PDB file of N, CA and C in Angstrom:
ATOM      1  N   UNK A   1       0.856  -1.176   0.000  1.00  0.00           N
ATOM      2  CA  UNK A   1       0.000   0.000   0.000  1.00  0.00           C
ATOM      3  C   UNK A   1       0.898   1.234   0.000  1.00  0.00           C
ATOM      4  N   UNK A   2       0.657   2.098  -0.939  1.00  0.00           N
ATOM      5  CA  UNK A   2       1.423   3.339  -1.059  1.00  0.00           C
ATOM      6  C   UNK A   2       0.808   4.401  -0.153  1.00  0.00           C
ATOM      7  N   UNK A   3       1.647   5.343   0.256  1.00  0.00           N
ATOM      8  CA  UNK A   3       1.186   6.458   1.075  1.00  0.00           C
ATOM      9  C   UNK A   3       1.595   7.753   0.395  1.00  0.00           C
ATOM     10  N   UNK A   4       0.643   8.672   0.266  1.00  0.00           N
ATOM     11  CA  UNK A   4       0.931   9.979  -0.340  1.00  0.00           C
ATOM     12  C   UNK A   4       0.268  11.056   0.503  1.00  0.00           C
ATOM     13  N   UNK A   5       0.792  12.259   0.407  1.00  0.00           N
ATOM     14  CA  UNK A   5       0.195  13.391   1.121  1.00  0.00           C
ATOM     15  C   UNK A   5      -0.995  13.903   0.317  1.00  0.00           C
ATOM     16  N   UNK A   6      -1.810  14.711   0.944  1.00  0.00           N
ATOM     17  CA  UNK A   6      -2.969  15.287   0.264  1.00  0.00           C
ATOM     18  C   UNK A   6      -2.502  16.123  -0.928  1.00  0.00           C
ATOM     19  N   UNK A   7      -1.434  16.860  -0.739  1.00  0.00           N
ATOM     20  CA  UNK A   7      -0.900  17.694  -1.817  1.00  0.00           C
ATOM     21  C   UNK A   7      -0.533  16.835  -3.022  1.00  0.00           C
ATOM     22  N   UNK A   8       0.204  15.749  -2.779  1.00  0.00           N
ATOM     23  CA  UNK A   8       0.595  14.856  -3.877  1.00  0.00           C
ATOM     24  C   UNK A   8      -0.618  14.148  -4.477  1.00  0.00           C
ATOM     25  N   UNK A   9      -1.587  13.800  -3.652  1.00  0.00           N
ATOM     26  CA  UNK A   9      -2.779  13.125  -4.154  1.00  0.00           C
ATOM     27  C   UNK A   9      -3.552  14.039  -5.095  1.00  0.00           C
ATOM     28  N   UNK A  10      -3.638  15.312  -4.745  1.00  0.00           N
ATOM     29  CA  UNK A  10      -4.329  16.271  -5.624  1.00  0.00           C
ATOM     30  C   UNK A  10      -3.590  16.407  -6.949  1.00  0.00           C
ATOM     31  N   UNK A  11      -2.272  16.435  -6.892  1.00  0.00           N
ATOM     32  CA  UNK A  11      -1.473  16.625  -8.096  1.00  0.00           C
ATOM     33  C   UNK A  11      -1.467  15.383  -8.989  1.00  0.00           C
ATOM     34  N   UNK A  12      -1.578  14.199  -8.387  1.00  0.00           N
ATOM     35  CA  UNK A  12      -1.482  12.946  -9.152  1.00  0.00           C
ATOM     36  C   UNK A  12      -2.751  12.107  -9.053  1.00  0.00           C
ATOM     37  N   UNK A  13      -3.895  12.754  -8.944  1.00  0.00           N
ATOM     38  CA  UNK A  13      -5.141  12.026  -8.714  1.00  0.00           C
ATOM     39  C   UNK A  13      -5.437  11.002  -9.814  1.00  0.00           C
ATOM     40  N   UNK A  14      -5.268  11.381 -11.050  1.00  0.00           N
ATOM     41  CA  UNK A  14      -5.541  10.456 -12.160  1.00  0.00           C
ATOM     42  C   UNK A  14      -4.665   9.209 -12.059  1.00  0.00           C
ATOM     43  N   UNK A  15      -3.407   9.400 -11.710  1.00  0.00           N
ATOM     44  CA  UNK A  15      -2.497   8.265 -11.550  1.00  0.00           C
ATOM     45  C   UNK A  15      -2.949   7.361 -10.409  1.00  0.00           C
ATOM     46  N   UNK A  16      -3.388   7.963  -9.303  1.00  0.00           N
ATOM     47  CA  UNK A  16      -3.845   7.169  -8.162  1.00  0.00           C
ATOM     48  C   UNK A  16      -5.117   6.383  -8.506  1.00  0.00           C
ATOM     49  N   UNK A  17      -5.989   6.977  -9.294  1.00  0.00           N
ATOM     50  CA  UNK A  17      -7.195   6.269  -9.726  1.00  0.00           C
ATOM     51  C   UNK A  17      -6.810   5.093 -10.620  1.00  0.00           C
ATOM     52  N   UNK A  18      -5.844   5.293 -11.498  1.00  0.00           N
ATOM     53  CA  UNK A  18      -5.383   4.196 -12.352  1.00  0.00           C
ATOM     54  C   UNK A  18      -4.783   3.070 -11.509  1.00  0.00           C
ATOM     55  N   UNK A  19      -4.044   3.436 -10.460  1.00  0.00           N
ATOM     56  CA  UNK A  19      -3.485   2.420  -9.563  1.00  0.00           C
ATOM     57  C   UNK A  19      -4.599   1.641  -8.856  1.00  0.00           C
ATOM     58  N   UNK A  20      -5.606   2.361  -8.404  1.00  0.00           N
ATOM     59  CA  UNK A  20      -6.722   1.693  -7.734  1.00  0.00           C
ATOM     60  C   UNK A  20      -7.434   0.759  -8.702  1.00  0.00           C
ATOM     61  N   UNK A  21      -7.574   1.184  -9.927  1.00  0.00           N
ATOM     62  CA  UNK A  21      -8.218   0.348 -10.934  1.00  0.00           C
ATOM     63  C   UNK A  21      -7.395  -0.914 -11.187  1.00  0.00           C
ATOM     64  N   UNK A  22      -6.074  -0.803 -11.042  1.00  0.00           N
ATOM     65  CA  UNK A  22      -5.187  -1.953 -11.218  1.00  0.00           C
ATOM     66  C   UNK A  22      -5.147  -2.839  -9.980  1.00  0.00           C
ATOM     67  N   UNK A  23      -5.821  -2.406  -8.887  1.00  0.00           N
ATOM     68  CA  UNK A  23      -5.884  -3.239  -7.686  1.00  0.00           C
ATOM     69  C   UNK A  23      -4.997  -2.808  -6.543  1.00  0.00           C
ATOM     70  N   UNK A  24      -4.367  -1.673  -6.648  1.00  0.00           N
ATOM     71  CA  UNK A  24      -3.478  -1.199  -5.588  1.00  0.00           C
ATOM     72  C   UNK A  24      -4.167  -0.137  -4.745  1.00  0.00           C
ATOM     73  N   UNK A  25      -4.045  -0.259  -3.443  1.00  0.00           N
ATOM     74  CA  UNK A  25      -4.639   0.703  -2.518  1.00  0.00           C
ATOM     75  C   UNK A  25      -3.627   1.796  -2.197  1.00  0.00           C
ATOM     76  N   UNK A  26      -4.108   2.997  -1.902  1.00  0.00           N
ATOM     77  CA  UNK A  26      -3.252   4.129  -1.561  1.00  0.00           C
ATOM     78  C   UNK A  26      -3.802   4.805  -0.320  1.00  0.00           C
ATOM     79  N   UNK A  27      -2.918   5.087   0.619  1.00  0.00           N
ATOM     80  CA  UNK A  27      -3.291   5.813   1.826  1.00  0.00           C
ATOM     81  C   UNK A  27      -2.942   7.279   1.635  1.00  0.00           C
ATOM     82  N   UNK A  28      -3.869   8.154   1.970  1.00  0.00           N
ATOM     83  CA  UNK A  28      -3.657   9.602   1.828  1.00  0.00           C
ATOM     84  C   UNK A  28      -3.519  10.198   3.227  1.00  0.00           C
ATOM     85  N   UNK A  29      -2.460  10.961   3.426  1.00  0.00           N
ATOM     86  CA  UNK A  29      -2.188  11.544   4.737  1.00  0.00           C
ATOM     87  C   UNK A  29      -2.220  13.061   4.662  1.00  0.00           C
ATOM     88  N   UNK A  30      -2.482  13.658   5.823  1.00  0.00           N
ATOM     89  CA  UNK A  30      -2.440  15.116   5.963  1.00  0.00           C
ATOM     90  C   UNK A  30      -1.673  15.396   7.248  1.00  0.00           C
ATOM     91  N   UNK A  31      -0.559  16.064   7.101  1.00  0.00           N
ATOM     92  CA  UNK A  31       0.317  16.345   8.243  1.00  0.00           C
ATOM     93  C   UNK A  31       0.712  15.074   8.991  1.00  0.00           C
ATOM     94  N   UNK A  32       0.938  14.007   8.244  1.00  0.00           N
ATOM     95  CA  UNK A  32       1.401  12.753   8.827  1.00  0.00           C
ATOM     96  C   UNK A  32       0.308  11.846   9.362  1.00  0.00           C
ATOM     97  N   UNK A  33      -0.928  12.295   9.347  1.00  0.00           N
ATOM     98  CA  UNK A  33      -2.040  11.479   9.837  1.00  0.00           C
ATOM     99  C   UNK A  33      -2.862  10.951   8.667  1.00  0.00           C
ATOM    100  N   UNK A  34      -3.293   9.701   8.789  1.00  0.00           N
ATOM    101  CA  UNK A  34      -4.113   9.104   7.739  1.00  0.00           C
ATOM    102  C   UNK A  34      -5.482   9.766   7.738  1.00  0.00           C
ATOM    103  N   UNK A  35      -5.893  10.255   6.561  1.00  0.00           N
ATOM    104  CA  UNK A  35      -7.196  10.901   6.446  1.00  0.00           C
ATOM    105  C   UNK A  35      -8.116  10.180   5.468  1.00  0.00           C
ATOM    106  N   UNK A  36      -7.535   9.366   4.565  1.00  0.00           N
ATOM    107  CA  UNK A  36      -8.373   8.669   3.581  1.00  0.00           C
ATOM    108  C   UNK A  36      -7.596   7.500   2.995  1.00  0.00           C
ATOM    109  N   UNK A  37      -8.348   6.587   2.418  1.00  0.00           N
ATOM    110  CA  UNK A  37      -7.762   5.474   1.678  1.00  0.00           C
ATOM    111  C   UNK A  37      -8.471   5.377   0.335  1.00  0.00           C
ATOM    112  N   UNK A  38      -7.697   5.287  -0.705  1.00  0.00           N
ATOM    113  CA  UNK A  38      -8.236   5.088  -2.044  1.00  0.00           C
ATOM    114  C   UNK A  38      -8.016   3.616  -2.360  1.00  0.00           C
ATOM    115  N   UNK A  39      -9.096   2.875  -2.423  1.00  0.00           N
ATOM    116  CA  UNK A  39      -9.008   1.423  -2.609  1.00  0.00           C
ATOM    117  C   UNK A  39      -9.747   1.013  -3.875  1.00  0.00           C
ATOM    118  N   UNK A  40      -9.372  -0.119  -4.431  1.00  0.00           N
ATOM    119  CA  UNK A  40     -10.072  -0.591  -5.626  1.00  0.00           C
ATOM    120  C   UNK A  40     -11.541  -0.880  -5.320  1.00  0.00           C
ATOM    121  N   UNK A  41     -12.386  -0.539  -6.280  1.00  0.00           N
ATOM    122  CA  UNK A  41     -13.807  -0.837  -6.123  1.00  0.00           C
ATOM    123  C   UNK A  41     -13.994  -2.330  -6.361  1.00  0.00           C
ATOM    124  N   UNK A  42     -14.685  -2.971  -5.451  1.00  0.00           N
ATOM    125  CA  UNK A  42     -14.939  -4.394  -5.598  1.00  0.00           C
ATOM    126  C   UNK A  42     -16.339  -4.619  -6.119  1.00  0.00           C
ATOM    127  N   UNK A  43     -16.737  -5.838  -6.107  1.00  0.00           N
ATOM    128  CA  UNK A  43     -18.090  -6.183  -6.523  1.00  0.00           C
ATOM    129  C   UNK A  43     -18.991  -6.251  -5.302  1.00  0.00           C
ATOM    130  N   UNK A  44     -18.862  -5.268  -4.417  1.00  0.00           N
ATOM    131  CA  UNK A  44     -19.666  -5.263  -3.211  1.00  0.00           C
ATOM    132  C   UNK A  44     -21.132  -5.062  -3.567  1.00  0.00           C
ATOM    133  N   UNK A  45     -21.946  -5.707  -2.800  1.00  0.00           N
ATOM    134  CA  UNK A  45     -23.384  -5.521  -2.962  1.00  0.00           C
ATOM    135  C   UNK A  45     -23.733  -4.137  -2.436  1.00  0.00           C
ATOM    136  N   UNK A  46     -24.637  -3.450  -3.093  1.00  0.00           N
ATOM    137  CA  UNK A  46     -25.042  -2.132  -2.634  1.00  0.00           C
ATOM    138  C   UNK A  46     -25.860  -2.220  -1.358  1.00  0.00           C
ATOM    139  N   UNK A  47     -26.318  -3.413  -1.028  1.00  0.00           N
ATOM    140  CA  UNK A  47     -27.097  -3.620   0.190  1.00  0.00           C
ATOM    141  C   UNK A  47     -26.389  -4.671   1.046  1.00  0.00           C
ATOM    142  N   UNK A  48     -25.383  -4.288   1.835  1.00  0.00           N
ATOM    143  CA  UNK A  48     -24.593  -5.273   2.576  1.00  0.00           C
ATOM    144  C   UNK A  48     -25.399  -6.065   3.604  1.00  0.00           C
ATOM    145  N   UNK A  49     -26.510  -5.517   4.062  1.00  0.00           N
ATOM    146  CA  UNK A  49     -27.319  -6.231   5.041  1.00  0.00           C
ATOM    147  C   UNK A  49     -27.942  -7.486   4.436  1.00  0.00           C
ATOM    148  N   UNK A  50     -27.989  -7.579   3.126  1.00  0.00           N
ATOM    149  CA  UNK A  50     -28.575  -8.750   2.485  1.00  0.00           C
ATOM    150  C   UNK A  50     -27.729 -10.002   2.715  1.00  0.00           C
ATOM    151  N   UNK A  51     -26.467  -9.839   3.110  1.00  0.00           N
ATOM    152  CA  UNK A  51     -25.635 -11.006   3.401  1.00  0.00           C
ATOM    153  C   UNK A  51     -26.146 -11.744   4.631  1.00  0.00           C
ATOM    154  N   UNK A  52     -26.927 -11.064   5.471  1.00  0.00           N
ATOM    155  CA  UNK A  52     -27.483 -11.688   6.664  1.00  0.00           C
ATOM    156  C   UNK A  52     -28.803 -12.404   6.385  1.00  0.00           C
ATOM    157  N   UNK A  53     -29.300 -12.281   5.171  1.00  0.00           N
ATOM    158  CA  UNK A  53     -30.586 -12.864   4.816  1.00  0.00           C
ATOM    159  C   UNK A  53     -30.581 -14.374   5.061  1.00  0.00           C
ATOM    160  N   UNK A  54     -31.601 -14.815   5.786  1.00  0.00           N
ATOM    161  CA  UNK A  54     -31.753 -16.234   6.063  1.00  0.00           C
ATOM    162  C   UNK A  54     -30.976 -16.736   7.262  1.00  0.00           C
ATOM    163  N   UNK A  55     -30.234 -15.877   7.928  1.00  0.00           N
ATOM    164  CA  UNK A  55     -29.433 -16.313   9.080  1.00  0.00           C
ATOM    165  C   UNK A  55     -30.121 -16.077  10.414  1.00  0.00           C
ATOM    166  N   UNK A  56     -31.163 -15.261  10.430  1.00  0.00           N
ATOM    167  CA  UNK A  56     -31.870 -14.986  11.678  1.00  0.00           C
ATOM    168  C   UNK A  56     -32.935 -16.036  11.950  1.00  0.00           C
ATOM    169  N   UNK A  57     -33.361 -16.091  13.190  1.00  0.00           N
ATOM    170  CA  UNK A  57     -34.449 -17.008  13.537  1.00  0.00           C
ATOM    171  C   UNK A  57     -35.262 -16.391  14.657  1.00  0.00           C
ATOM    172  N   UNK A  58     -36.549 -16.757  14.701  1.00  0.00           N
ATOM    173  CA  UNK A  58     -37.428 -16.251  15.747  1.00  0.00           C
ATOM    174  C   UNK A  58     -37.144 -17.007  17.029  1.00  0.00           C
ATOM    175  N   UNK A  59     -36.974 -16.290  18.117  1.00  0.00           N
ATOM    176  CA  UNK A  59     -36.727 -16.918  19.404  1.00  0.00           C
ATOM    177  C   UNK A  59     -38.031 -17.038  20.177  1.00  0.00           C
ATOM    178  N   UNK A  60     -38.913 -16.087  19.995  1.00  0.00           N
ATOM    179  CA  UNK A  60     -40.165 -16.059  20.737  1.00  0.00           C
ATOM    180  C   UNK A  60     -41.255 -15.579  19.784  1.00  0.00           C
ATOM    181  N   UNK A  61     -42.439 -15.361  20.309  1.00  0.00           N
ATOM    182  CA  UNK A  61     -43.554 -14.896  19.511  1.00  0.00           C
ATOM    183  C   UNK A  61     -43.356 -13.407  19.187  1.00  0.00           C
ATOM    184  N   UNK A  62     -43.133 -13.050  17.933  1.00  0.00           N
ATOM    185  CA  UNK A  62     -42.886 -11.644  17.609  1.00  0.00           C
ATOM    186  C   UNK A  62     -44.131 -10.774  17.736  1.00  0.00           C
ATOM    187  N   UNK A  63     -45.303 -11.389  17.829  1.00  0.00           N
ATOM    188  CA  UNK A  63     -46.540 -10.631  17.912  1.00  0.00           C
ATOM    189  C   UNK A  63     -47.063 -10.534  19.343  1.00  0.00           C
ATOM    190  N   UNK A  64     -46.319 -11.051  20.289  1.00  0.00           N
ATOM    191  CA  UNK A  64     -46.724 -10.959  21.688  1.00  0.00           C
ATOM    192  C   UNK A  64     -46.596  -9.523  22.162  1.00  0.00           C
ATOM    193  N   UNK A  65     -47.477  -9.088  23.062  1.00  0.00           N
ATOM    194  CA  UNK A  65     -47.373  -7.712  23.563  1.00  0.00           C
ATOM    195  C   UNK A  65     -46.057  -7.489  24.304  1.00  0.00           C
ATOM    196  N   UNK A  66     -45.517  -6.310  24.159  1.00  0.00           N
ATOM    197  CA  UNK A  66     -44.258  -5.986  24.822  1.00  0.00           C
ATOM    198  C   UNK A  66     -44.501  -5.663  26.291  1.00  0.00           C
ATOM    199  N   UNK A  67     -45.628  -5.023  26.569  1.00  0.00           N
ATOM    200  CA  UNK A  67     -45.978  -4.641  27.932  1.00  0.00           C
ATOM    201  C   UNK A  67     -47.097  -5.571  28.414  1.00  0.00           C
ATOM    202  N   UNK A  68     -46.985  -5.996  29.656  1.00  0.00           N
ATOM    203  CA  UNK A  68     -48.021  -6.872  30.215  1.00  0.00           C
ATOM    204  C   UNK A  68     -49.298  -6.075  30.479  1.00  0.00           C
ATOM    205  N   UNK A  69     -50.410  -6.754  30.397  1.00  0.00           N
ATOM    206  CA  UNK A  69     -51.716  -6.112  30.545  1.00  0.00           C
ATOM    207  C   UNK A  69     -51.880  -5.465  31.919  1.00  0.00           C
ATOM    208  N   UNK A  70     -51.358  -6.086  32.973  1.00  0.00           N
ATOM    209  CA  UNK A  70     -51.519  -5.513  34.322  1.00  0.00           C
ATOM    210  C   UNK A  70     -50.776  -4.182  34.446  1.00  0.00           C
ATOM    211  N   UNK A  71     -49.661  -4.028  33.735  1.00  0.00           N
ATOM    212  CA  UNK A  71     -48.943  -2.760  33.760  1.00  0.00           C
ATOM    213  C   UNK A  71     -49.746  -1.664  33.063  1.00  0.00           C
ATOM    214  N   UNK A  72     -50.439  -2.006  32.009  1.00  0.00           N
ATOM    215  CA  UNK A  72     -51.273  -1.043  31.299  1.00  0.00           C
ATOM    216  C   UNK A  72     -52.414  -0.588  32.195  1.00  0.00           C
ATOM    217  N   UNK A  73     -53.018  -1.513  32.928  1.00  0.00           N
ATOM    218  CA  UNK A  73     -54.129  -1.178  33.819  1.00  0.00           C
ATOM    219  C   UNK A  73     -53.669  -0.234  34.926  1.00  0.00           C
ATOM    220  N   UNK A  74     -52.487  -0.429  35.453  1.00  0.00           N
ATOM    221  CA  UNK A  74     -51.963   0.451  36.499  1.00  0.00           C
ATOM    222  C   UNK A  74     -51.805   1.868  35.965  1.00  0.00           C
ATOM    223  N   UNK A  75     -51.375   2.002  34.748  1.00  0.00           N
ATOM    224  CA  UNK A  75     -51.180   3.328  34.168  1.00  0.00           C
ATOM    225  C   UNK A  75     -52.496   4.016  33.841  1.00  0.00           C
ATOM    226  N   UNK A  76     -53.561   3.267  33.676  1.00  0.00           N
ATOM    227  CA  UNK A  76     -54.866   3.852  33.380  1.00  0.00           C
ATOM    228  C   UNK A  76     -55.504   4.488  34.608  1.00  0.00           C
ATOM    229  N   UNK A  77     -55.095   4.045  35.798  1.00  0.00           N
ATOM    230  CA  UNK A  77     -55.668   4.585  37.030  1.00  0.00           C
ATOM    231  C   UNK A  77     -55.221   6.027  37.240  1.00  0.00           C
ATOM    232  N   UNK A  78     -56.014   6.821  37.953  1.00  0.00           N
ATOM    233  CA  UNK A  78     -55.615   8.201  38.271  1.00  0.00           C
ATOM    234  C   UNK A  78     -54.326   8.218  39.088  1.00  0.00           C
ATOM    235  N   UNK A  79     -53.619   9.320  39.028  1.00  0.00           N
ATOM    236  CA  UNK A  79     -52.316   9.432  39.686  1.00  0.00           C
ATOM    237  C   UNK A  79     -52.402   9.226  41.192  1.00  0.00           C
ATOM    238  N   UNK A  80     -53.483   9.691  41.850  1.00  0.00           N
ATOM    239  CA  UNK A  80     -53.597   9.540  43.297  1.00  0.00           C
ATOM    240  C   UNK A  80     -53.741   8.082  43.687  1.00  0.00           C
ATOM    241  N   UNK A  81     -54.357   7.296  42.850  1.00  0.00           N
ATOM    242  CA  UNK A  81     -54.573   5.888  43.175  1.00  0.00           C
ATOM    243  C   UNK A  81     -53.287   5.083  43.044  1.00  0.00           C
ATOM    244  N   UNK A  82     -52.355   5.601  42.291  1.00  0.00           N
ATOM    245  CA  UNK A  82     -51.082   4.891  42.124  1.00  0.00           C
ATOM    246  C   UNK A  82     -50.176   5.233  43.301  1.00  0.00           C
ATOM    247  N   UNK A  83     -49.989   4.324  44.180  1.00  0.00           N
ATOM    248  CA  UNK A  83     -49.098   4.537  45.329  1.00  0.00           C
ATOM    249  C   UNK A  83     -47.995   3.511  45.270  1.00  0.00           C
ATOM    250  N   UNK A  84     -46.869   3.924  45.745  1.00  0.00           N
ATOM    251  CA  UNK A  84     -45.707   3.031  45.729  1.00  0.00           C
ATOM    252  C   UNK A  84     -45.763   2.128  46.937  1.00  0.00           C
ATOM    253  N   UNK A  85     -45.572   0.870  46.686  1.00  0.00           N
ATOM    254  CA  UNK A  85     -45.549  -0.110  47.792  1.00  0.00           C
ATOM    255  C   UNK A  85     -44.115  -0.434  48.167  1.00  0.00           C
ATOM    256  N   UNK A  86     -43.881  -0.613  49.450  1.00  0.00           N
ATOM    257  CA  UNK A  86     -42.527  -0.943  49.905  1.00  0.00           C
ATOM    258  C   UNK A  86     -42.369  -2.413  50.077  1.00  0.00           C
TER     259      UNK A  86
END
């Protein structure tokens, strides 16, 4: 992997694109710190989440209520009736 400064990358951008097309990656630095990588474009799927398709499974009933009915009833009562128990 080659490393070039931002200044050099701007001056030789076409060359760096040709290198990436040939399969070589280039690291671009600014003041000695890595700021970008120019890598060859692969045949990546535009929807990477599709690689997980078919790998999940249901553990429980997905249509079951999230909140229990008794908790809903407690919230329906007026605020004065709701007292904290120790």
